[in-house]
PDB file of N, CA and C in Angstrom:
ATOM      1  N   MET A   1       0.848  -1.177   0.000  1.00  0.00           N
ATOM      2  CA  MET A   1       0.000   0.000   0.000  1.00  0.00           C
ATOM      3  C   MET A   1       0.892   1.238   0.000  1.00  0.00           C
ATOM      4  N   PRO A   2       0.764   2.098  -1.025  1.00  0.00           N
ATOM      5  CA  PRO A   2       1.610   3.290  -1.071  1.00  0.00           C
ATOM      6  C   PRO A   2       1.155   4.306  -0.029  1.00  0.00           C
ATOM      7  N   THR A   3       2.131   4.931   0.562  1.00  0.00           N
ATOM      8  CA  THR A   3       1.823   5.973   1.546  1.00  0.00           C
ATOM      9  C   THR A   3       2.342   7.304   1.022  1.00  0.00           C
ATOM     10  N   THR A   4       1.646   8.342   1.390  1.00  0.00           N
ATOM     11  CA  THR A   4       2.087   9.678   0.993  1.00  0.00           C
ATOM     12  C   THR A   4       2.971  10.233   2.100  1.00  0.00           C
ATOM     13  N   PRO A   5       4.013  10.927   1.734  1.00  0.00           N
ATOM     14  CA  PRO A   5       4.885  11.496   2.771  1.00  0.00           C
ATOM     15  C   PRO A   5       4.183  12.614   3.527  1.00  0.00           C
ATOM     16  N   ASP A   6       4.588  12.784   4.760  1.00  0.00           N
ATOM     17  CA  ASP A   6       4.039  13.883   5.562  1.00  0.00           C
ATOM     18  C   ASP A   6       4.485  15.216   4.973  1.00  0.00           C
ATOM     19  N   PRO A   7       3.597  16.203   4.979  1.00  0.00           N
ATOM     20  CA  PRO A   7       4.000  17.508   4.439  1.00  0.00           C
ATOM     21  C   PRO A   7       5.071  18.141   5.325  1.00  0.00           C
ATOM     22  N   GLY A   8       5.949  18.864   4.699  1.00  0.00           N
ATOM     23  CA  GLY A   8       7.005  19.544   5.428  1.00  0.00           C
ATOM     24  C   GLY A   8       6.498  20.783   6.136  1.00  0.00           C
ATOM     25  N   LEU A   9       7.367  21.384   6.905  1.00  0.00           N
ATOM     26  CA  LEU A   9       6.995  22.567   7.675  1.00  0.00           C
ATOM     27  C   LEU A   9       6.607  23.734   6.772  1.00  0.00           C
ATOM     28  N   LEU A  10       7.342  23.948   5.691  1.00  0.00           N
ATOM     29  CA  LEU A  10       7.022  25.057   4.790  1.00  0.00           C
ATOM     30  C   LEU A  10       5.655  24.867   4.130  1.00  0.00           C
ATOM     31  N   GLN A  11       5.339  23.625   3.768  1.00  0.00           N
ATOM     32  CA  GLN A  11       4.033  23.369   3.165  1.00  0.00           C
ATOM     33  C   GLN A  11       2.915  23.583   4.186  1.00  0.00           C
ATOM     34  N   LEU A  12       3.126  23.177   5.421  1.00  0.00           N
ATOM     35  CA  LEU A  12       2.117  23.414   6.453  1.00  0.00           C
ATOM     36  C   LEU A  12       1.927  24.902   6.727  1.00  0.00           C
ATOM     37  N   LEU A  13       3.026  25.663   6.736  1.00  0.00           N
ATOM     38  CA  LEU A  13       2.905  27.113   6.919  1.00  0.00           C
ATOM     39  C   LEU A  13       2.165  27.748   5.749  1.00  0.00           C
ATOM     40  N   TYR A  14       2.439  27.269   4.541  1.00  0.00           N
ATOM     41  CA  TYR A  14       1.728  27.772   3.360  1.00  0.00           C
ATOM     42  C   TYR A  14       0.226  27.513   3.494  1.00  0.00           C
ATOM     43  N   LEU A  15      -0.140  26.301   3.876  1.00  0.00           N
ATOM     44  CA  LEU A  15      -1.556  25.972   4.018  1.00  0.00           C
ATOM     45  C   LEU A  15      -2.212  26.766   5.140  1.00  0.00           C
ATOM     46  N   TYR A  16      -1.447  27.095   6.174  1.00  0.00           N
ATOM     47  CA  TYR A  16      -2.010  27.819   7.315  1.00  0.00           C
ATOM     48  C   TYR A  16      -2.186  29.306   7.028  1.00  0.00           C
ATOM     49  N   PHE A  17      -1.285  29.903   6.257  1.00  0.00           N
ATOM     50  CA  PHE A  17      -1.318  31.344   6.063  1.00  0.00           C
ATOM     51  C   PHE A  17      -1.836  31.801   4.703  1.00  0.00           C
ATOM     52  N   ILE A  18      -1.802  30.980   3.672  1.00  0.00           N
ATOM     53  CA  ILE A  18      -2.178  31.397   2.327  1.00  0.00           C
ATOM     54  C   ILE A  18      -3.487  30.708   1.940  1.00  0.00           C
ATOM     55  N   PRO A  19      -4.549  31.466   1.650  1.00  0.00           N
ATOM     56  CA  PRO A  19      -5.852  30.851   1.392  1.00  0.00           C
ATOM     57  C   PRO A  19      -6.090  30.400  -0.047  1.00  0.00           C
ATOM     58  N   TYR A  20      -5.136  30.624  -0.949  1.00  0.00           N
ATOM     59  CA  TYR A  20      -5.407  30.381  -2.361  1.00  0.00           C
ATOM     60  C   TYR A  20      -5.612  28.907  -2.688  1.00  0.00           C
ATOM     61  N   TRP A  21      -5.108  28.000  -1.881  1.00  0.00           N
ATOM     62  CA  TRP A  21      -5.253  26.581  -2.169  1.00  0.00           C
ATOM     63  C   TRP A  21      -6.701  26.116  -1.984  1.00  0.00           C
ATOM     64  N   LEU A  22      -7.528  26.918  -1.336  1.00  0.00           N
ATOM     65  CA  LEU A  22      -8.925  26.548  -1.101  1.00  0.00           C
ATOM     66  C   LEU A  22      -9.819  26.715  -2.326  1.00  0.00           C
ATOM     67  N   PHE A  23      -9.364  27.465  -3.313  1.00  0.00           N
ATOM     68  CA  PHE A  23     -10.244  27.875  -4.398  1.00  0.00           C
ATOM     69  C   PHE A  23      -9.886  27.203  -5.720  1.00  0.00           C
ATOM     70  N   ARG A  24     -10.883  27.127  -6.569  1.00  0.00           N
ATOM     71  CA  ARG A  24     -10.716  26.531  -7.902  1.00  0.00           C
ATOM     72  C   ARG A  24     -10.668  27.623  -8.960  1.00  0.00           C
ATOM     73  N   ASP A  25     -10.037  27.295 -10.082  1.00  0.00           N
ATOM     74  CA  ASP A  25      -9.899  28.231 -11.196  1.00  0.00           C
ATOM     75  C   ASP A  25     -11.212  28.272 -11.981  1.00  0.00           C
ATOM     76  N   VAL A  26     -11.800  29.457 -12.105  1.00  0.00           N
ATOM     77  CA  VAL A  26     -13.069  29.590 -12.828  1.00  0.00           C
ATOM     78  C   VAL A  26     -12.858  30.107 -14.248  1.00  0.00           C
ATOM     79  N   SER A  27     -11.628  30.192 -14.691  1.00  0.00           N
ATOM     80  CA  SER A  27     -11.382  30.695 -16.039  1.00  0.00           C
ATOM     81  C   SER A  27     -11.146  29.574 -17.046  1.00  0.00           C
ATOM     82  N   ARG A  28     -11.218  28.336 -16.614  1.00  0.00           N
ATOM     83  CA  ARG A  28     -10.960  27.216 -17.518  1.00  0.00           C
ATOM     84  C   ARG A  28     -12.154  26.267 -17.539  1.00  0.00           C
ATOM     85  N   GLY A  29     -12.289  25.573 -18.630  1.00  0.00           N
ATOM     86  CA  GLY A  29     -13.367  24.601 -18.759  1.00  0.00           C
ATOM     87  C   GLY A  29     -14.576  25.178 -19.461  1.00  0.00           C
ATOM     88  N   ASP A  30     -15.576  24.314 -19.634  1.00  0.00           N
ATOM     89  CA  ASP A  30     -16.808  24.772 -20.273  1.00  0.00           C
ATOM     90  C   ASP A  30     -17.654  25.558 -19.266  1.00  0.00           C
ATOM     91  N   GLN A  31     -18.779  26.064 -19.722  1.00  0.00           N
ATOM     92  CA  GLN A  31     -19.618  26.938 -18.906  1.00  0.00           C
ATOM     93  C   GLN A  31     -20.109  26.233 -17.642  1.00  0.00           C
ATOM     94  N   MET A  32     -20.475  24.975 -17.760  1.00  0.00           N
ATOM     95  CA  MET A  32     -20.991  24.244 -16.602  1.00  0.00           C
ATOM     96  C   MET A  32     -19.909  24.065 -15.527  1.00  0.00           C
ATOM     97  N   LEU A  33     -18.701  23.733 -15.953  1.00  0.00           N
ATOM     98  CA  LEU A  33     -17.601  23.569 -15.012  1.00  0.00           C
ATOM     99  C   LEU A  33     -17.248  24.904 -14.351  1.00  0.00           C
ATOM    100  N   ARG A  34     -17.283  25.983 -15.109  1.00  0.00           N
ATOM    101  CA  ARG A  34     -17.012  27.303 -14.540  1.00  0.00           C
ATOM    102  C   ARG A  34     -18.035  27.666 -13.472  1.00  0.00           C
ATOM    103  N   GLU A  35     -19.314  27.376 -13.746  1.00  0.00           N
ATOM    104  CA  GLU A  35     -20.360  27.673 -12.768  1.00  0.00           C
ATOM    105  C   GLU A  35     -20.196  26.823 -11.516  1.00  0.00           C
ATOM    106  N   GLN A  36     -19.835  25.569 -11.684  1.00  0.00           N
ATOM    107  CA  GLN A  36     -19.604  24.697 -10.528  1.00  0.00           C
ATOM    108  C   GLN A  36     -18.436  25.214  -9.686  1.00  0.00           C
ATOM    109  N   ASN A  37     -17.374  25.606 -10.353  1.00  0.00           N
ATOM    110  CA  ASN A  37     -16.219  26.116  -9.629  1.00  0.00           C
ATOM    111  C   ASN A  37     -16.536  27.426  -8.923  1.00  0.00           C
ATOM    112  N   TYR A  38     -17.342  28.276  -9.550  1.00  0.00           N
ATOM    113  CA  TYR A  38     -17.720  29.534  -8.915  1.00  0.00           C
ATOM    114  C   TYR A  38     -18.588  29.278  -7.687  1.00  0.00           C
ATOM    115  N   ARG A  39     -19.529  28.346  -7.785  1.00  0.00           N
ATOM    116  CA  ARG A  39     -20.345  28.001  -6.618  1.00  0.00           C
ATOM    117  C   ARG A  39     -19.481  27.411  -5.505  1.00  0.00           C
ATOM    118  N   TYR A  40     -18.515  26.584  -5.871  1.00  0.00           N
ATOM    119  CA  TYR A  40     -17.599  26.012  -4.899  1.00  0.00           C
ATOM    120  C   TYR A  40     -16.801  27.130  -4.206  1.00  0.00           C
ATOM    121  N   ASN A  41     -16.325  28.091  -4.980  1.00  0.00           N
ATOM    122  CA  ASN A  41     -15.563  29.203  -4.401  1.00  0.00           C
ATOM    123  C   ASN A  41     -16.422  30.046  -3.465  1.00  0.00           C
ATOM    124  N   ARG A  42     -17.695  30.221  -3.826  1.00  0.00           N
ATOM    125  CA  ARG A  42     -18.592  30.973  -2.943  1.00  0.00           C
ATOM    126  C   ARG A  42     -18.807  30.238  -1.626  1.00  0.00           C
ATOM    127  N   GLU A  43     -18.816  28.900  -1.672  1.00  0.00           N
ATOM    128  CA  GLU A  43     -18.933  28.137  -0.428  1.00  0.00           C
ATOM    129  C   GLU A  43     -17.664  28.238   0.412  1.00  0.00           C
ATOM    130  N   GLN A  44     -16.524  28.367  -0.224  1.00  0.00           N
ATOM    131  CA  GLN A  44     -15.248  28.411   0.481  1.00  0.00           C
ATOM    132  C   GLN A  44     -14.939  29.792   1.060  1.00  0.00           C
ATOM    133  N   ARG A  45     -15.703  30.811   0.692  1.00  0.00           N
ATOM    134  CA  ARG A  45     -15.414  32.172   1.153  1.00  0.00           C
ATOM    135  C   ARG A  45     -15.536  32.317   2.662  1.00  0.00           C
ATOM    136  N   LYS A  46     -16.211  31.399   3.316  1.00  0.00           N
ATOM    137  CA  LYS A  46     -16.388  31.490   4.763  1.00  0.00           C
ATOM    138  C   LYS A  46     -15.069  31.356   5.523  1.00  0.00           C
ATOM    139  N   TYR A  47     -14.023  30.835   4.881  1.00  0.00           N
ATOM    140  CA  TYR A  47     -12.726  30.691   5.529  1.00  0.00           C
ATOM    141  C   TYR A  47     -11.858  31.944   5.409  1.00  0.00           C
ATOM    142  N   LEU A  48     -12.206  32.846   4.543  1.00  0.00           N
ATOM    143  CA  LEU A  48     -11.377  34.026   4.302  1.00  0.00           C
ATOM    144  C   LEU A  48     -11.267  34.968   5.511  1.00  0.00           C
ATOM    145  N   PRO A  49     -12.329  35.205   6.298  1.00  0.00           N
ATOM    146  CA  PRO A  49     -12.145  36.059   7.477  1.00  0.00           C
ATOM    147  C   PRO A  49     -11.146  35.488   8.483  1.00  0.00           C
ATOM    148  N   GLY A  50     -11.063  34.182   8.597  1.00  0.00           N
ATOM    149  CA  GLY A  50     -10.066  33.582   9.480  1.00  0.00           C
ATOM    150  C   GLY A  50      -8.652  33.851   8.999  1.00  0.00           C
ATOM    151  N   TYR A  51      -8.439  33.743   7.693  1.00  0.00           N
ATOM    152  CA  TYR A  51      -7.127  34.065   7.136  1.00  0.00           C
ATOM    153  C   TYR A  51      -6.815  35.551   7.303  1.00  0.00           C
ATOM    154  N   LEU A  52      -7.826  36.389   7.166  1.00  0.00           N
ATOM    155  CA  LEU A  52      -7.625  37.826   7.360  1.00  0.00           C
ATOM    156  C   LEU A  52      -7.224  38.124   8.800  1.00  0.00           C
ATOM    157  N   LEU A  53      -7.834  37.446   9.754  1.00  0.00           N
ATOM    158  CA  LEU A  53      -7.474  37.630  11.159  1.00  0.00           C
ATOM    159  C   LEU A  53      -6.035  37.182  11.419  1.00  0.00           C
ATOM    160  N   LYS A  54      -5.644  36.049  10.852  1.00  0.00           N
ATOM    161  CA  LYS A  54      -4.264  35.572  11.012  1.00  0.00           C
ATOM    162  C   LYS A  54      -3.270  36.607  10.492  1.00  0.00           C
ATOM    163  N   TRP A  55      -3.551  37.157   9.316  1.00  0.00           N
ATOM    164  CA  TRP A  55      -2.633  38.128   8.723  1.00  0.00           C
ATOM    165  C   TRP A  55      -2.658  39.455   9.465  1.00  0.00           C
ATOM    166  N   THR A  56      -3.791  39.823  10.042  1.00  0.00           N
ATOM    167  CA  THR A  56      -3.862  41.046  10.837  1.00  0.00           C
ATOM    168  C   THR A  56      -2.970  40.929  12.062  1.00  0.00           C
ATOM    169  N   ILE A  57      -3.040  39.801  12.741  1.00  0.00           N
ATOM    170  CA  ILE A  57      -2.193  39.573  13.917  1.00  0.00           C
ATOM    171  C   ILE A  57      -0.727  39.526  13.516  1.00  0.00           C
ATOM    172  N   LEU A  58      -0.419  38.820  12.433  1.00  0.00           N
ATOM    173  CA  LEU A  58       0.964  38.723  11.974  1.00  0.00           C
ATOM    174  C   LEU A  58       1.517  40.092  11.569  1.00  0.00           C
ATOM    175  N   CYS A  59       0.707  40.892  10.884  1.00  0.00           N
ATOM    176  CA  CYS A  59       1.158  42.234  10.480  1.00  0.00           C
ATOM    177  C   CYS A  59       1.358  43.140  11.688  1.00  0.00           C
ATOM    178  N   ALA A  60       0.504  43.013  12.694  1.00  0.00           N
ATOM    179  CA  ALA A  60       0.694  43.806  13.910  1.00  0.00           C
ATOM    180  C   ALA A  60       2.009  43.416  14.590  1.00  0.00           C
ATOM    181  N   LEU A  61       2.306  42.129  14.640  1.00  0.00           N
ATOM    182  CA  LEU A  61       3.571  41.682  15.225  1.00  0.00           C
ATOM    183  C   LEU A  61       4.767  42.162  14.403  1.00  0.00           C
ATOM    184  N   LEU A  62       4.647  42.113  13.087  1.00  0.00           N
ATOM    185  CA  LEU A  62       5.740  42.578  12.233  1.00  0.00           C
ATOM    186  C   LEU A  62       5.969  44.082  12.385  1.00  0.00           C
ATOM    187  N   LEU A  63       4.901  44.850  12.502  1.00  0.00           N
ATOM    188  CA  LEU A  63       5.046  46.288  12.687  1.00  0.00           C
ATOM    189  C   LEU A  63       5.673  46.610  14.042  1.00  0.00           C
ATOM    190  N   ALA A  64       5.250  45.897  15.085  1.00  0.00           N
ATOM    191  CA  ALA A  64       5.855  46.089  16.405  1.00  0.00           C
ATOM    192  C   ALA A  64       7.330  45.694  16.373  1.00  0.00           C
ATOM    193  N   SER A  65       7.641  44.610  15.661  1.00  0.00           N
ATOM    194  CA  SER A  65       9.032  44.173  15.526  1.00  0.00           C
ATOM    195  C   SER A  65       9.862  45.224  14.790  1.00  0.00           C
ATOM    196  N   HIS A  66       9.287  45.835  13.788  1.00  0.00           N
ATOM    197  CA  HIS A  66       9.974  46.886  13.034  1.00  0.00           C
ATOM    198  C   HIS A  66      10.318  48.074  13.941  1.00  0.00           C
ATOM    199  N   HIS A  67       9.351  48.502  14.718  1.00  0.00           N
ATOM    200  CA  HIS A  67       9.590  49.643  15.611  1.00  0.00           C
ATOM    201  C   HIS A  67      10.589  49.289  16.713  1.00  0.00           C
ATOM    202  N   LEU A  68      10.534  48.070  17.208  1.00  0.00           N
ATOM    203  CA  LEU A  68      11.496  47.633  18.213  1.00  0.00           C
ATOM    204  C   LEU A  68      12.904  47.619  17.639  1.00  0.00           C
ATOM    205  N   ALA A  69      13.058  47.120  16.432  1.00  0.00           N
ATOM    206  CA  ALA A  69      14.378  47.072  15.807  1.00  0.00           C
ATOM    207  C   ALA A  69      14.918  48.473  15.552  1.00  0.00           C
ATOM    208  N   LYS A  70      14.059  49.389  15.148  1.00  0.00           N
ATOM    209  CA  LYS A  70      14.512  50.774  14.947  1.00  0.00           C
ATOM    210  C   LYS A  70      14.953  51.413  16.263  1.00  0.00           C
ATOM    211  N   ALA A  71      14.214  51.157  17.325  1.00  0.00           N
ATOM    212  CA  ALA A  71      14.576  51.721  18.628  1.00  0.00           C
ATOM    213  C   ALA A  71      15.883  51.118  19.139  1.00  0.00           C
ATOM    214  N   LEU A  72      16.057  49.821  18.941  1.00  0.00           N
ATOM    215  CA  LEU A  72      17.301  49.182  19.375  1.00  0.00           C
ATOM    216  C   LEU A  72      18.495  49.660  18.554  1.00  0.00           C
ATOM    217  N   ALA A  73      18.283  49.948  17.281  1.00  0.00           N
ATOM    218  CA  ALA A  73      19.371  50.451  16.439  1.00  0.00           C
ATOM    219  C   ALA A  73      19.840  51.818  16.923  1.00  0.00           C
ATOM    220  N   LEU A  74      18.925  52.620  17.461  1.00  0.00           N
ATOM    221  CA  LEU A  74      19.316  53.932  17.990  1.00  0.00           C
ATOM    222  C   LEU A  74      20.029  53.810  19.335  1.00  0.00           C
ATOM    223  N   GLN A  75      19.642  52.824  20.138  1.00  0.00           N
ATOM    224  CA  GLN A  75      20.234  52.648  21.464  1.00  0.00           C
ATOM    225  C   GLN A  75      21.592  51.963  21.417  1.00  0.00           C
ATOM    226  N   LEU A  76      21.697  50.908  20.625  1.00  0.00           N
ATOM    227  CA  LEU A  76      22.930  50.114  20.562  1.00  0.00           C
ATOM    228  C   LEU A  76      23.616  50.368  19.226  1.00  0.00           C
ATOM    229  N   THR A  77      24.447  51.361  19.193  1.00  0.00           N
ATOM    230  CA  THR A  77      25.053  51.766  17.921  1.00  0.00           C
ATOM    231  C   THR A  77      26.053  50.746  17.389  1.00  0.00           C
ATOM    232  N   ASP A  78      26.616  49.905  18.263  1.00  0.00           N
ATOM    233  CA  ASP A  78      27.552  48.888  17.789  1.00  0.00           C
ATOM    234  C   ASP A  78      26.844  47.828  16.927  1.00  0.00           C
ATOM    235  N   TRP A  79      25.610  47.581  17.245  1.00  0.00           N
ATOM    236  CA  TRP A  79      24.829  46.563  16.533  1.00  0.00           C
ATOM    237  C   TRP A  79      23.813  47.195  15.576  1.00  0.00           C
ATOM    238  N   ALA A  80      23.998  48.434  15.240  1.00  0.00           N
ATOM    239  CA  ALA A  80      22.998  49.185  14.460  1.00  0.00           C
ATOM    240  C   ALA A  80      22.719  48.542  13.107  1.00  0.00           C
ATOM    241  N   SER A  81      23.744  48.047  12.435  1.00  0.00           N
ATOM    242  CA  SER A  81      23.515  47.464  11.103  1.00  0.00           C
ATOM    243  C   SER A  81      22.659  46.197  11.187  1.00  0.00           C
ATOM    244  N   LEU A  82      22.858  45.398  12.237  1.00  0.00           N
ATOM    245  CA  LEU A  82      22.036  44.195  12.413  1.00  0.00           C
ATOM    246  C   LEU A  82      20.575  44.564  12.680  1.00  0.00           C
ATOM    247  N   PHE A  83      20.373  45.551  13.545  1.00  0.00           N
ATOM    248  CA  PHE A  83      19.006  45.965  13.855  1.00  0.00           C
ATOM    249  C   PHE A  83      18.333  46.658  12.670  1.00  0.00           C
ATOM    250  N   GLN A  84      19.110  47.361  11.875  1.00  0.00           N
ATOM    251  CA  GLN A  84      18.545  47.966  10.664  1.00  0.00           C
ATOM    252  C   GLN A  84      18.127  46.899   9.664  1.00  0.00           C
ATOM    253  N   LEU A  85      18.902  45.837   9.567  1.00  0.00           N
ATOM    254  CA  LEU A  85      18.532  44.731   8.693  1.00  0.00           C
ATOM    255  C   LEU A  85      17.263  44.051   9.195  1.00  0.00           C
ATOM    256  N   TRP A  86      17.161  43.881  10.511  1.00  0.00           N
ATOM    257  CA  TRP A  86      15.959  43.320  11.134  1.00  0.00           C
ATOM    258  C   TRP A  86      14.756  44.218  10.836  1.00  0.00           C
ATOM    259  N   ALA A  87      14.930  45.528  10.964  1.00  0.00           N
ATOM    260  CA  ALA A  87      13.841  46.464  10.675  1.00  0.00           C
ATOM    261  C   ALA A  87      13.447  46.404   9.204  1.00  0.00           C
ATOM    262  N   LEU A  88      14.429  46.256   8.335  1.00  0.00           N
ATOM    263  CA  LEU A  88      14.146  46.165   6.899  1.00  0.00           C
ATOM    264  C   LEU A  88      13.277  44.953   6.578  1.00  0.00           C
ATOM    265  N   PHE A  89      13.684  43.790   7.077  1.00  0.00           N
ATOM    266  CA  PHE A  89      12.930  42.575   6.759  1.00  0.00           C
ATOM    267  C   PHE A  89      11.559  42.549   7.418  1.00  0.00           C
ATOM    268  N   SER A  90      11.438  43.069   8.620  1.00  0.00           N
ATOM    269  CA  SER A  90      10.110  43.119   9.230  1.00  0.00           C
ATOM    270  C   SER A  90       9.217  44.128   8.509  1.00  0.00           C
ATOM    271  N   GLY A  91       9.793  45.217   8.002  1.00  0.00           N
ATOM    272  CA  GLY A  91       9.008  46.183   7.219  1.00  0.00           C
ATOM    273  C   GLY A  91       8.549  45.606   5.890  1.00  0.00           C
ATOM    274  N   ILE A  92       9.428  44.855   5.245  1.00  0.00           N
ATOM    275  CA  ILE A  92       9.038  44.196   3.987  1.00  0.00           C
ATOM    276  C   ILE A  92       7.951  43.164   4.250  1.00  0.00           C
ATOM    277  N   GLY A  93       8.095  42.397   5.320  1.00  0.00           N
ATOM    278  CA  GLY A  93       7.065  41.415   5.670  1.00  0.00           C
ATOM    279  C   GLY A  93       5.727  42.067   5.954  1.00  0.00           C
ATOM    280  N   PHE A  94       5.760  43.209   6.649  1.00  0.00           N
ATOM    281  CA  PHE A  94       4.525  43.955   6.924  1.00  0.00           C
ATOM    282  C   PHE A  94       3.878  44.419   5.631  1.00  0.00           C
ATOM    283  N   THR A  95       4.675  44.919   4.698  1.00  0.00           N
ATOM    284  CA  THR A  95       4.137  45.403   3.427  1.00  0.00           C
ATOM    285  C   THR A  95       3.507  44.278   2.620  1.00  0.00           C
ATOM    286  N   VAL A  96       4.169  43.139   2.566  1.00  0.00           N
ATOM    287  CA  VAL A  96       3.614  41.982   1.855  1.00  0.00           C
ATOM    288  C   VAL A  96       2.321  41.525   2.531  1.00  0.00           C
ATOM    289  N   GLY A  97       2.300  41.543   3.846  1.00  0.00           N
ATOM    290  CA  GLY A  97       1.098  41.149   4.578  1.00  0.00           C
ATOM    291  C   GLY A  97      -0.083  42.063   4.310  1.00  0.00           C
ATOM    292  N   VAL A  98       0.170  43.360   4.255  1.00  0.00           N
ATOM    293  CA  VAL A  98      -0.915  44.309   3.972  1.00  0.00           C
ATOM    294  C   VAL A  98      -1.450  44.091   2.551  1.00  0.00           C
ATOM    295  N   ALA A  99      -0.547  43.829   1.602  1.00  0.00           N
ATOM    296  CA  ALA A  99      -0.995  43.554   0.233  1.00  0.00           C
ATOM    297  C   ALA A  99      -1.835  42.284   0.180  1.00  0.00           C
ATOM    298  N   LEU A 100      -1.421  41.256   0.895  1.00  0.00           N
ATOM    299  CA  LEU A 100      -2.186  40.008   0.915  1.00  0.00           C
ATOM    300  C   LEU A 100      -3.530  40.203   1.612  1.00  0.00           C
ATOM    301  N   MET A 101      -3.553  41.003   2.684  1.00  0.00           N
ATOM    302  CA  MET A 101      -4.827  41.263   3.362  1.00  0.00           C
ATOM    303  C   MET A 101      -5.800  41.994   2.444  1.00  0.00           C
ATOM    304  N   SER A 102      -5.306  42.934   1.662  1.00  0.00           N
ATOM    305  CA  SER A 102      -6.207  43.630   0.743  1.00  0.00           C
ATOM    306  C   SER A 102      -6.722  42.678  -0.332  1.00  0.00           C
ATOM    307  N   ASN A 103      -5.883  41.766  -0.773  1.00  0.00           N
ATOM    308  CA  ASN A 103      -6.309  40.766  -1.748  1.00  0.00           C
ATOM    309  C   ASN A 103      -7.378  39.851  -1.155  1.00  0.00           C
ATOM    310  N   ILE A 104      -7.208  39.431   0.081  1.00  0.00           N
ATOM    311  CA  ILE A 104      -8.193  38.572   0.746  1.00  0.00           C
ATOM    312  C   ILE A 104      -9.510  39.319   0.915  1.00  0.00           C
ATOM    313  N   MET A 105      -9.453  40.607   1.293  1.00  0.00           N
ATOM    314  CA  MET A 105     -10.680  41.383   1.472  1.00  0.00           C
ATOM    315  C   MET A 105     -11.422  41.566   0.155  1.00  0.00           C
ATOM    316  N   VAL A 106     -10.697  41.794  -0.927  1.00  0.00           N
ATOM    317  CA  VAL A 106     -11.341  41.950  -2.233  1.00  0.00           C
ATOM    318  C   VAL A 106     -11.965  40.631  -2.672  1.00  0.00           C
ATOM    319  N   ALA A 107     -11.261  39.524  -2.471  1.00  0.00           N
ATOM    320  CA  ALA A 107     -11.811  38.216  -2.854  1.00  0.00           C
ATOM    321  C   ALA A 107     -13.068  37.899  -2.054  1.00  0.00           C
ATOM    322  N   TRP A 108     -13.042  38.152  -0.744  1.00  0.00           N
ATOM    323  CA  TRP A 108     -14.214  37.890   0.071  1.00  0.00           C
ATOM    324  C   TRP A 108     -15.382  38.784  -0.352  1.00  0.00           C
ATOM    325  N   SER A 109     -15.103  40.059  -0.597  1.00  0.00           N
ATOM    326  CA  SER A 109     -16.170  40.982  -1.018  1.00  0.00           C
ATOM    327  C   SER A 109     -16.758  40.559  -2.358  1.00  0.00           C
ATOM    328  N   PHE A 110     -15.913  40.179  -3.283  1.00  0.00           N
ATOM    329  CA  PHE A 110     -16.393  39.750  -4.600  1.00  0.00           C
ATOM    330  C   PHE A 110     -17.255  38.503  -4.471  1.00  0.00           C
ATOM    331  N   LEU A 111     -16.797  37.511  -3.710  1.00  0.00           N
ATOM    332  CA  LEU A 111     -17.547  36.264  -3.600  1.00  0.00           C
ATOM    333  C   LEU A 111     -18.810  36.425  -2.762  1.00  0.00           C
ATOM    334  N   THR A 112     -18.860  37.458  -1.938  1.00  0.00           N
ATOM    335  CA  THR A 112     -20.034  37.671  -1.094  1.00  0.00           C
ATOM    336  C   THR A 112     -21.093  38.526  -1.769  1.00  0.00           C
ATOM    337  N   PHE A 113     -20.678  39.615  -2.416  1.00  0.00           N
ATOM    338  CA  PHE A 113     -21.647  40.603  -2.891  1.00  0.00           C
ATOM    339  C   PHE A 113     -21.936  40.552  -4.386  1.00  0.00           C
ATOM    340  N   ILE A 114     -21.125  39.878  -5.175  1.00  0.00           N
ATOM    341  CA  ILE A 114     -21.355  39.788  -6.619  1.00  0.00           C
ATOM    342  C   ILE A 114     -22.064  38.452  -6.904  1.00  0.00           C
ATOM    343  N   PRO A 115     -23.260  38.498  -7.480  1.00  0.00           N
ATOM    344  CA  PRO A 115     -24.002  37.236  -7.724  1.00  0.00           C
ATOM    345  C   PRO A 115     -23.413  36.393  -8.816  1.00  0.00           C
TER     346      PRO A 115
END
């Protein structure tokens, strides 16, 4: 009996934080398949607020981390370059998170309010 390998940590993090794996492509197939996929996506929209909450918490932590790194860079001048690098990466992570949150909000709004 063939067994499937356990998913790795990166794949589990992807499934936990990125909601795109829940949805089907509605741009391919005949009209009936497109309608089925659209109905399926409308049923799956109920999970999007949970993903939005996860990203809101993560972005708040990243923003707090950014401000902490900036404050530490001013206090500890010997380690300033390390803290500036930390601030850079936490700021980039925050920016990516905000972009993903806006994408999730648009997808949820579209699947909820557009018939």
